[in-house]
Amino acid sequence: MREGESITDMQKRLNLIMNNLQGLGKVIPMEELNCKIFESVTEEFNNKVCVIEEANNVNEIPSNELMGNLMAEELVVEINKPRKKANATKPTLAL
């Protein structure tokens, strides 16, 4: 995943790569694909990746469900960004 790239954009690129590989006769097993997804996400998703790994068997969770979980986390991260910026620039009173 590229810095600043959304999960949706990453999923589009991943689907393109997977379709090209399938066209060449190479089929990637679901567990290998899931591991590659986990390895490719940026640091802001590390906590969510840990939760998914602990709550589910990574070898059995469908990749589209995994991407859906990451998209939900992306929304939470985006919602919290303005709050963090507002708190960082809030003036403080020194006595």
PDB file of N, CA and C in Angstrom:
ATOM      1  N   MET A   1       0.852  -1.166   0.000  1.00  0.00           N
ATOM      2  CA  MET A   1       0.000   0.000   0.000  1.00  0.00           C
ATOM      3  C   MET A   1       0.899   1.231   0.000  1.00  0.00           C
ATOM      4  N   ARG A   2       0.579   2.138  -0.854  1.00  0.00           N
ATOM      5  CA  ARG A   2       1.352   3.375  -0.935  1.00  0.00           C
ATOM      6  C   ARG A   2       0.895   4.354   0.139  1.00  0.00           C
ATOM      7  N   GLU A   3       1.802   5.206   0.554  1.00  0.00           N
ATOM      8  CA  GLU A   3       1.463   6.215   1.559  1.00  0.00           C
ATOM      9  C   GLU A   3       0.382   7.138   0.994  1.00  0.00           C
ATOM     10  N   GLY A   4      -0.690   7.335   1.749  1.00  0.00           N
ATOM     11  CA  GLY A   4      -1.785   8.188   1.314  1.00  0.00           C
ATOM     12  C   GLY A   4      -2.801   7.481   0.427  1.00  0.00           C
ATOM     13  N   GLU A   5      -2.574   6.230   0.116  1.00  0.00           N
ATOM     14  CA  GLU A   5      -3.486   5.467  -0.741  1.00  0.00           C
ATOM     15  C   GLU A   5      -4.626   4.903   0.104  1.00  0.00           C
ATOM     16  N   SER A   6      -5.819   4.896  -0.449  1.00  0.00           N
ATOM     17  CA  SER A   6      -6.964   4.349   0.277  1.00  0.00           C
ATOM     18  C   SER A   6      -7.001   2.829   0.124  1.00  0.00           C
ATOM     19  N   ILE A   7      -7.744   2.190   1.008  1.00  0.00           N
ATOM     20  CA  ILE A   7      -7.907   0.737   0.945  1.00  0.00           C
ATOM     21  C   ILE A   7      -8.597   0.357  -0.364  1.00  0.00           C
ATOM     22  N   THR A   8      -9.551   1.165  -0.803  1.00  0.00           N
ATOM     23  CA  THR A   8     -10.251   0.895  -2.064  1.00  0.00           C
ATOM     24  C   THR A   8      -9.287   0.910  -3.240  1.00  0.00           C
ATOM     25  N   ASP A   9      -8.391   1.895  -3.275  1.00  0.00           N
ATOM     26  CA  ASP A   9      -7.400   1.959  -4.352  1.00  0.00           C
ATOM     27  C   ASP A   9      -6.454   0.766  -4.296  1.00  0.00           C
ATOM     28  N   MET A  10      -6.052   0.389  -3.081  1.00  0.00           N
ATOM     29  CA  MET A  10      -5.183  -0.772  -2.930  1.00  0.00           C
ATOM     30  C   MET A  10      -5.890  -2.032  -3.419  1.00  0.00           C
ATOM     31  N   GLN A  11      -7.178  -2.156  -3.103  1.00  0.00           N
ATOM     32  CA  GLN A  11      -7.943  -3.321  -3.521  1.00  0.00           C
ATOM     33  C   GLN A  11      -8.057  -3.381  -5.044  1.00  0.00           C
ATOM     34  N   LYS A  12      -8.246  -2.236  -5.685  1.00  0.00           N
ATOM     35  CA  LYS A  12      -8.317  -2.198  -7.147  1.00  0.00           C
ATOM     36  C   LYS A  12      -7.008  -2.670  -7.770  1.00  0.00           C
ATOM     37  N   ARG A  13      -5.879  -2.170  -7.227  1.00  0.00           N
ATOM     38  CA  ARG A  13      -4.571  -2.591  -7.747  1.00  0.00           C
ATOM     39  C   ARG A  13      -4.348  -4.078  -7.512  1.00  0.00           C
ATOM     40  N   LEU A  14      -4.740  -4.556  -6.332  1.00  0.00           N
ATOM     41  CA  LEU A  14      -4.579  -5.966  -5.996  1.00  0.00           C
ATOM     42  C   LEU A  14      -5.418  -6.844  -6.922  1.00  0.00           C
ATOM     43  N   ASN A  15      -6.662  -6.438  -7.185  1.00  0.00           N
ATOM     44  CA  ASN A  15      -7.522  -7.204  -8.091  1.00  0.00           C
ATOM     45  C   ASN A  15      -6.937  -7.257  -9.499  1.00  0.00           C
ATOM     46  N   LEU A  16      -6.377  -6.152  -9.952  1.00  0.00           N
ATOM     47  CA  LEU A  16      -5.748  -6.121 -11.270  1.00  0.00           C
ATOM     48  C   LEU A  16      -4.575  -7.100 -11.330  1.00  0.00           C
ATOM     49  N   ILE A  17      -3.747  -7.082 -10.301  1.00  0.00           N
ATOM     50  CA  ILE A  17      -2.603  -7.997 -10.249  1.00  0.00           C
ATOM     51  C   ILE A  17      -3.077  -9.444 -10.199  1.00  0.00           C
ATOM     52  N   MET A  18      -4.074  -9.723  -9.355  1.00  0.00           N
ATOM     53  CA  MET A  18      -4.589 -11.094  -9.230  1.00  0.00           C
ATOM     54  C   MET A  18      -5.191 -11.582 -10.544  1.00  0.00           C
ATOM     55  N   ASN A  19      -5.942 -10.720 -11.236  1.00  0.00           N
ATOM     56  CA  ASN A  19      -6.526 -11.108 -12.521  1.00  0.00           C
ATOM     57  C   ASN A  19      -5.449 -11.389 -13.560  1.00  0.00           C
ATOM     58  N   ASN A  20      -4.400 -10.569 -13.565  1.00  0.00           N
ATOM     59  CA  ASN A  20      -3.299 -10.804 -14.501  1.00  0.00           C
ATOM     60  C   ASN A  20      -2.588 -12.116 -14.196  1.00  0.00           C
ATOM     61  N   LEU A  21      -2.381 -12.403 -12.918  1.00  0.00           N
ATOM     62  CA  LEU A  21      -1.739 -13.662 -12.538  1.00  0.00           C
ATOM     63  C   LEU A  21      -2.607 -14.859 -12.911  1.00  0.00           C
ATOM     64  N   GLN A  22      -3.913 -14.751 -12.695  1.00  0.00           N
ATOM     65  CA  GLN A  22      -4.814 -15.840 -13.062  1.00  0.00           C
ATOM     66  C   GLN A  22      -4.822 -16.050 -14.565  1.00  0.00           C
ATOM     67  N   GLY A  23      -4.723 -14.961 -15.321  1.00  0.00           N
ATOM     68  CA  GLY A  23      -4.639 -15.070 -16.774  1.00  0.00           C
ATOM     69  C   GLY A  23      -3.392 -15.802 -17.230  1.00  0.00           C
ATOM     70  N   LEU A  24      -2.348 -15.729 -16.420  1.00  0.00           N
ATOM     71  CA  LEU A  24      -1.101 -16.429 -16.727  1.00  0.00           C
ATOM     72  C   LEU A  24      -1.071 -17.839 -16.143  1.00  0.00           C
ATOM     73  N   GLY A  25      -2.153 -18.235 -15.474  1.00  0.00           N
ATOM     74  CA  GLY A  25      -2.238 -19.581 -14.926  1.00  0.00           C
ATOM     75  C   GLY A  25      -1.748 -19.719 -13.496  1.00  0.00           C
ATOM     76  N   LYS A  26      -1.426 -18.639 -12.835  1.00  0.00           N
ATOM     77  CA  LYS A  26      -0.938 -18.673 -11.448  1.00  0.00           C
ATOM     78  C   LYS A  26      -2.092 -18.322 -10.523  1.00  0.00           C
ATOM     79  N   VAL A  27      -2.444 -19.235  -9.641  1.00  0.00           N
ATOM     80  CA  VAL A  27      -3.510 -18.997  -8.679  1.00  0.00           C
ATOM     81  C   VAL A  27      -2.879 -18.851  -7.295  1.00  0.00           C
ATOM     82  N   ILE A  28      -3.166 -17.738  -6.637  1.00  0.00           N
ATOM     83  CA  ILE A  28      -2.636 -17.462  -5.302  1.00  0.00           C
ATOM     84  C   ILE A  28      -3.648 -17.965  -4.271  1.00  0.00           C
ATOM     85  N   PRO A  29      -3.227 -18.835  -3.350  1.00  0.00           N
ATOM     86  CA  PRO A  29      -4.151 -19.306  -2.305  1.00  0.00           C
ATOM     87  C   PRO A  29      -4.616 -18.154  -1.412  1.00  0.00           C
ATOM     88  N   MET A  30      -5.813 -18.296  -0.863  1.00  0.00           N
ATOM     89  CA  MET A  30      -6.423 -17.243  -0.055  1.00  0.00           C
ATOM     90  C   MET A  30      -5.545 -16.865   1.138  1.00  0.00           C
ATOM     91  N   GLU A  31      -4.966 -17.853   1.822  1.00  0.00           N
ATOM     92  CA  GLU A  31      -4.152 -17.530   3.000  1.00  0.00           C
ATOM     93  C   GLU A  31      -2.900 -16.746   2.624  1.00  0.00           C
ATOM     94  N   GLU A  32      -2.311 -17.045   1.465  1.00  0.00           N
ATOM     95  CA  GLU A  32      -1.141 -16.289   1.003  1.00  0.00           C
ATOM     96  C   GLU A  32      -1.538 -14.861   0.632  1.00  0.00           C
ATOM     97  N   LEU A  33      -2.685 -14.722  -0.017  1.00  0.00           N
ATOM     98  CA  LEU A  33      -3.184 -13.398  -0.386  1.00  0.00           C
ATOM     99  C   LEU A  33      -3.452 -12.561   0.861  1.00  0.00           C
ATOM    100  N   ASN A  34      -4.083 -13.163   1.864  1.00  0.00           N
ATOM    101  CA  ASN A  34      -4.365 -12.440   3.105  1.00  0.00           C
ATOM    102  C   ASN A  34      -3.079 -11.992   3.791  1.00  0.00           C
ATOM    103  N   CYS A  35      -2.080 -12.852   3.814  1.00  0.00           N
ATOM    104  CA  CYS A  35      -0.795 -12.478   4.425  1.00  0.00           C
ATOM    105  C   CYS A  35      -0.161 -11.313   3.677  1.00  0.00           C
ATOM    106  N   LYS A  36      -0.259 -11.323   2.359  1.00  0.00           N
ATOM    107  CA  LYS A  36       0.300 -10.223   1.569  1.00  0.00           C
ATOM    108  C   LYS A  36      -0.452  -8.915   1.838  1.00  0.00           C
ATOM    109  N   ILE A  37      -1.764  -9.006   2.021  1.00  0.00           N
ATOM    110  CA  ILE A  37      -2.554  -7.818   2.349  1.00  0.00           C
ATOM    111  C   ILE A  37      -2.105  -7.264   3.696  1.00  0.00           C
ATOM    112  N   PHE A  38      -1.969  -8.140   4.692  1.00  0.00           N
ATOM    113  CA  PHE A  38      -1.530  -7.704   6.020  1.00  0.00           C
ATOM    114  C   PHE A  38      -0.162  -7.048   5.972  1.00  0.00           C
ATOM    115  N   GLU A  39       0.737  -7.601   5.189  1.00  0.00           N
ATOM    116  CA  GLU A  39       2.094  -7.064   5.095  1.00  0.00           C
ATOM    117  C   GLU A  39       2.135  -5.714   4.384  1.00  0.00           C
ATOM    118  N   SER A  40       1.170  -5.472   3.513  1.00  0.00           N
ATOM    119  CA  SER A  40       1.244  -4.276   2.674  1.00  0.00           C
ATOM    120  C   SER A  40       0.575  -3.037   3.270  1.00  0.00           C
ATOM    121  N   VAL A  41      -0.288  -3.204   4.274  1.00  0.00           N
ATOM    122  CA  VAL A  41      -0.978  -2.027   4.811  1.00  0.00           C
ATOM    123  C   VAL A  41      -0.018  -1.148   5.606  1.00  0.00           C
ATOM    124  N   THR A  42      -0.355   0.136   5.704  1.00  0.00           N
ATOM    125  CA  THR A  42       0.496   1.092   6.410  1.00  0.00           C
ATOM    126  C   THR A  42       0.344   0.934   7.929  1.00  0.00           C
ATOM    127  N   GLU A  43       1.195   1.631   8.661  1.00  0.00           N
ATOM    128  CA  GLU A  43       1.244   1.514  10.124  1.00  0.00           C
ATOM    129  C   GLU A  43      -0.067   1.844  10.816  1.00  0.00           C
ATOM    130  N   GLU A  44      -0.841   2.744  10.248  1.00  0.00           N
ATOM    131  CA  GLU A  44      -2.082   3.148  10.907  1.00  0.00           C
ATOM    132  C   GLU A  44      -3.091   2.007  11.009  1.00  0.00           C
ATOM    133  N   PHE A  45      -2.874   0.919  10.266  1.00  0.00           N
ATOM    134  CA  PHE A  45      -3.776  -0.229  10.302  1.00  0.00           C
ATOM    135  C   PHE A  45      -3.218  -1.394  11.114  1.00  0.00           C
ATOM    136  N   ASN A  46      -2.046  -1.236  11.720  1.00  0.00           N
ATOM    137  CA  ASN A  46      -1.418  -2.338  12.454  1.00  0.00           C
ATOM    138  C   ASN A  46      -2.296  -2.875  13.576  1.00  0.00           C
ATOM    139  N   ASN A  47      -2.954  -1.991  14.311  1.00  0.00           N
ATOM    140  CA  ASN A  47      -3.825  -2.448  15.403  1.00  0.00           C
ATOM    141  C   ASN A  47      -4.978  -3.283  14.869  1.00  0.00           C
ATOM    142  N   LYS A  48      -5.580  -2.844  13.782  1.00  0.00           N
ATOM    143  CA  LYS A  48      -6.701  -3.577  13.197  1.00  0.00           C
ATOM    144  C   LYS A  48      -6.242  -4.929  12.672  1.00  0.00           C
ATOM    145  N   VAL A  49      -5.062  -4.977  12.077  1.00  0.00           N
ATOM    146  CA  VAL A  49      -4.516  -6.235  11.568  1.00  0.00           C
ATOM    147  C   VAL A  49      -4.348  -7.223  12.717  1.00  0.00           C
ATOM    148  N   CYS A  50      -3.825  -6.765  13.846  1.00  0.00           N
ATOM    149  CA  CYS A  50      -3.650  -7.636  15.018  1.00  0.00           C
ATOM    150  C   CYS A  50      -4.991  -8.171  15.509  1.00  0.00           C
ATOM    151  N   VAL A  51      -5.992  -7.312  15.555  1.00  0.00           N
ATOM    152  CA  VAL A  51      -7.323  -7.729  16.005  1.00  0.00           C
ATOM    153  C   VAL A  51      -7.905  -8.773  15.056  1.00  0.00           C
ATOM    154  N   ILE A  52      -7.779  -8.557  13.763  1.00  0.00           N
ATOM    155  CA  ILE A  52      -8.304  -9.504  12.775  1.00  0.00           C
ATOM    156  C   ILE A  52      -7.590 -10.840  12.897  1.00  0.00           C
ATOM    157  N   GLU A  53      -6.270 -10.812  13.055  1.00  0.00           N
ATOM    158  CA  GLU A  53      -5.499 -12.054  13.168  1.00  0.00           C
ATOM    159  C   GLU A  53      -5.889 -12.841  14.414  1.00  0.00           C
ATOM    160  N   GLU A  54      -6.141 -12.153  15.525  1.00  0.00           N
ATOM    161  CA  GLU A  54      -6.500 -12.839  16.758  1.00  0.00           C
ATOM    162  C   GLU A  54      -7.939 -13.348  16.740  1.00  0.00           C
ATOM    163  N   ALA A  55      -8.837 -12.618  16.104  1.00  0.00           N
ATOM    164  CA  ALA A  55     -10.255 -12.970  16.122  1.00  0.00           C
ATOM    165  C   ALA A  55     -10.634 -14.002  15.065  1.00  0.00           C
ATOM    166  N   ASN A  56      -9.851 -14.107  14.012  1.00  0.00           N
ATOM    167  CA  ASN A  56     -10.206 -14.985  12.896  1.00  0.00           C
ATOM    168  C   ASN A  56      -9.043 -15.893  12.536  1.00  0.00           C
ATOM    169  N   ASN A  57      -9.386 -16.988  11.881  1.00  0.00           N
ATOM    170  CA  ASN A  57      -8.359 -17.832  11.290  1.00  0.00           C
ATOM    171  C   ASN A  57      -8.019 -17.212   9.940  1.00  0.00           C
ATOM    172  N   VAL A  58      -6.820 -16.684   9.820  1.00  0.00           N
ATOM    173  CA  VAL A  58      -6.414 -15.955   8.613  1.00  0.00           C
ATOM    174  C   VAL A  58      -6.506 -16.842   7.377  1.00  0.00           C
ATOM    175  N   ASN A  59      -6.367 -18.162   7.563  1.00  0.00           N
ATOM    176  CA  ASN A  59      -6.432 -19.080   6.427  1.00  0.00           C
ATOM    177  C   ASN A  59      -7.852 -19.269   5.913  1.00  0.00           C
ATOM    178  N   GLU A  60      -8.849 -18.888   6.715  1.00  0.00           N
ATOM    179  CA  GLU A  60     -10.240 -19.135   6.322  1.00  0.00           C
ATOM    180  C   GLU A  60     -11.046 -17.879   6.017  1.00  0.00           C
ATOM    181  N   ILE A  61     -10.586 -16.715   6.452  1.00  0.00           N
ATOM    182  CA  ILE A  61     -11.351 -15.484   6.227  1.00  0.00           C
ATOM    183  C   ILE A  61     -11.249 -15.092   4.750  1.00  0.00           C
ATOM    184  N   PRO A  62     -12.386 -14.849   4.095  1.00  0.00           N
ATOM    185  CA  PRO A  62     -12.334 -14.420   2.687  1.00  0.00           C
ATOM    186  C   PRO A  62     -11.647 -13.062   2.550  1.00  0.00           C
ATOM    187  N   SER A  63     -10.921 -12.887   1.476  1.00  0.00           N
ATOM    188  CA  SER A  63     -10.164 -11.650   1.261  1.00  0.00           C
ATOM    189  C   SER A  63     -11.079 -10.433   1.179  1.00  0.00           C
ATOM    190  N   ASN A  64     -12.271 -10.604   0.599  1.00  0.00           N
ATOM    191  CA  ASN A  64     -13.182  -9.455   0.505  1.00  0.00           C
ATOM    192  C   ASN A  64     -13.703  -9.047   1.886  1.00  0.00           C
ATOM    193  N   GLU A  65     -13.866  -9.998   2.798  1.00  0.00           N
ATOM    194  CA  GLU A  65     -14.258  -9.666   4.172  1.00  0.00           C
ATOM    195  C   GLU A  65     -13.116  -8.944   4.887  1.00  0.00           C
ATOM    196  N   LEU A  66     -11.912  -9.397   4.652  1.00  0.00           N
ATOM    197  CA  LEU A  66     -10.729  -8.749   5.218  1.00  0.00           C
ATOM    198  C   LEU A  66     -10.623  -7.303   4.739  1.00  0.00           C
ATOM    199  N   MET A  67     -10.806  -7.095   3.442  1.00  0.00           N
ATOM    200  CA  MET A  67     -10.742  -5.739   2.893  1.00  0.00           C
ATOM    201  C   MET A  67     -11.871  -4.874   3.453  1.00  0.00           C
ATOM    202  N   GLY A  68     -13.048  -5.457   3.659  1.00  0.00           N
ATOM    203  CA  GLY A  68     -14.162  -4.719   4.260  1.00  0.00           C
ATOM    204  C   GLY A  68     -13.832  -4.251   5.666  1.00  0.00           C
ATOM    205  N   ASN A  69     -13.180  -5.117   6.447  1.00  0.00           N
ATOM    206  CA  ASN A  69     -12.753  -4.730   7.799  1.00  0.00           C
ATOM    207  C   ASN A  69     -11.746  -3.592   7.751  1.00  0.00           C
ATOM    208  N   LEU A  70     -10.825  -3.658   6.810  1.00  0.00           N
ATOM    209  CA  LEU A  70      -9.822  -2.599   6.679  1.00  0.00           C
ATOM    210  C   LEU A  70     -10.455  -1.288   6.211  1.00  0.00           C
ATOM    211  N   MET A  71     -11.470  -1.369   5.337  1.00  0.00           N
ATOM    212  CA  MET A  71     -12.173  -0.160   4.892  1.00  0.00           C
ATOM    213  C   MET A  71     -12.911   0.497   6.055  1.00  0.00           C
ATOM    214  N   ALA A  72     -13.513  -0.322   6.918  1.00  0.00           N
ATOM    215  CA  ALA A  72     -14.198   0.223   8.094  1.00  0.00           C
ATOM    216  C   ALA A  72     -13.202   0.927   9.006  1.00  0.00           C
ATOM    217  N   GLU A  73     -12.034   0.338   9.194  1.00  0.00           N
ATOM    218  CA  GLU A  73     -10.996   0.966  10.015  1.00  0.00           C
ATOM    219  C   GLU A  73     -10.515   2.263   9.379  1.00  0.00           C
ATOM    220  N   GLU A  74     -10.428   2.277   8.051  1.00  0.00           N
ATOM    221  CA  GLU A  74     -10.004   3.486   7.341  1.00  0.00           C
ATOM    222  C   GLU A  74     -10.975   4.635   7.610  1.00  0.00           C
ATOM    223  N   LEU A  75     -12.267   4.339   7.635  1.00  0.00           N
ATOM    224  CA  LEU A  75     -13.263   5.372   7.938  1.00  0.00           C
ATOM    225  C   LEU A  75     -13.075   5.916   9.348  1.00  0.00           C
ATOM    226  N   VAL A  76     -12.812   5.035  10.298  1.00  0.00           N
ATOM    227  CA  VAL A  76     -12.587   5.468  11.681  1.00  0.00           C
ATOM    228  C   VAL A  76     -11.351   6.360  11.757  1.00  0.00           C
ATOM    229  N   VAL A  77     -10.289   5.973  11.072  1.00  0.00           N
ATOM    230  CA  VAL A  77      -9.053   6.763  11.067  1.00  0.00           C
ATOM    231  C   VAL A  77      -9.313   8.135  10.457  1.00  0.00           C
ATOM    232  N   GLU A  78     -10.050   8.184   9.359  1.00  0.00           N
ATOM    233  CA  GLU A  78     -10.343   9.460   8.694  1.00  0.00           C
ATOM    234  C   GLU A  78     -11.212  10.361   9.569  1.00  0.00           C
ATOM    235  N   ILE A  79     -12.154   9.776  10.290  1.00  0.00           N
ATOM    236  CA  ILE A  79     -13.015  10.564  11.171  1.00  0.00           C
ATOM    237  C   ILE A  79     -12.205  11.165  12.312  1.00  0.00           C
ATOM    238  N   ASN A  80     -11.250  10.415  12.827  1.00  0.00           N
ATOM    239  CA  ASN A  80     -10.462  10.875  13.976  1.00  0.00           C
ATOM    240  C   ASN A  80      -9.348  11.847  13.608  1.00  0.00           C
ATOM    241  N   LYS A  81      -8.955  11.933  12.349  1.00  0.00           N
ATOM    242  CA  LYS A  81      -7.880  12.845  11.950  1.00  0.00           C
ATOM    243  C   LYS A  81      -8.203  14.308  12.248  1.00  0.00           C
ATOM    244  N   PRO A  82      -9.386  14.824  11.888  1.00  0.00           N
ATOM    245  CA  PRO A  82      -9.680  16.234  12.195  1.00  0.00           C
ATOM    246  C   PRO A  82      -9.675  16.520  13.696  1.00  0.00           C
ATOM    247  N   ARG A  83     -10.100  15.566  14.499  1.00  0.00           N
ATOM    248  CA  ARG A  83     -10.106  15.757  15.951  1.00  0.00           C
ATOM    249  C   ARG A  83      -8.688  15.901  16.479  1.00  0.00           C
ATOM    250  N   LYS A  84      -7.794  15.077  15.982  1.00  0.00           N
ATOM    251  CA  LYS A  84      -6.403  15.144  16.428  1.00  0.00           C
ATOM    252  C   LYS A  84      -5.771  16.474  16.027  1.00  0.00           C
ATOM    253  N   LYS A  85      -6.060  16.940  14.813  1.00  0.00           N
ATOM    254  CA  LYS A  85      -5.515  18.221  14.357  1.00  0.00           C
ATOM    255  C   LYS A  85      -6.069  19.371  15.189  1.00  0.00           C
ATOM    256  N   ALA A  86      -7.360  19.324  15.498  1.00  0.00           N
ATOM    257  CA  ALA A  86      -7.986  20.386  16.284  1.00  0.00           C
ATOM    258  C   ALA A  86      -7.396  20.433  17.689  1.00  0.00           C
ATOM    259  N   ASN A  87      -7.159  19.278  18.267  1.00  0.00           N
ATOM    260  CA  ASN A  87      -6.575  19.234  19.611  1.00  0.00           C
ATOM    261  C   ASN A  87      -5.124  19.687  19.605  1.00  0.00           C
ATOM    262  N   ALA A  88      -4.413  19.444  18.528  1.00  0.00           N
ATOM    263  CA  ALA A  88      -3.002  19.821  18.453  1.00  0.00           C
ATOM    264  C   ALA A  88      -2.834  21.333  18.324  1.00  0.00           C
ATOM    265  N   THR A  89      -3.774  22.001  17.668  1.00  0.00           N
ATOM    266  CA  THR A  89      -3.646  23.444  17.446  1.00  0.00           C
ATOM    267  C   THR A  89      -4.418  24.273  18.468  1.00  0.00           C
ATOM    268  N   LYS A  90      -5.039  23.621  19.408  1.00  0.00           N
ATOM    269  CA  LYS A  90      -5.832  24.325  20.409  1.00  0.00           C
ATOM    270  C   LYS A  90      -4.903  25.123  21.327  1.00  0.00           C
ATOM    271  N   PRO A  91      -5.153  26.421  21.482  1.00  0.00           N
ATOM    272  CA  PRO A  91      -4.273  27.221  22.341  1.00  0.00           C
ATOM    273  C   PRO A  91      -4.445  26.833  23.810  1.00  0.00           C
ATOM    274  N   THR A  92      -3.369  26.924  24.532  1.00  0.00           N
ATOM    275  CA  THR A  92      -3.414  26.621  25.956  1.00  0.00           C
ATOM    276  C   THR A  92      -3.173  27.892  26.754  1.00  0.00           C
ATOM    277  N   LEU A  93      -3.615  27.876  27.960  1.00  0.00           N
ATOM    278  CA  LEU A  93      -3.481  29.033  28.839  1.00  0.00           C
ATOM    279  C   LEU A  93      -2.328  28.785  29.805  1.00  0.00           C
ATOM    280  N   ALA A  94      -1.369  29.665  29.790  1.00  0.00           N
ATOM    281  CA  ALA A  94      -0.237  29.551  30.714  1.00  0.00           C
ATOM    282  C   ALA A  94      -0.372  30.609  31.790  1.00  0.00           C
ATOM    283  N   LEU A  95      -0.238  30.197  33.010  1.00  0.00           N
ATOM    284  CA  LEU A  95      -0.345  31.142  34.129  1.00  0.00           C
ATOM    285  C   LEU A  95       0.996  31.438  34.727  1.00  0.00           C
TER     286      LEU A  95
END
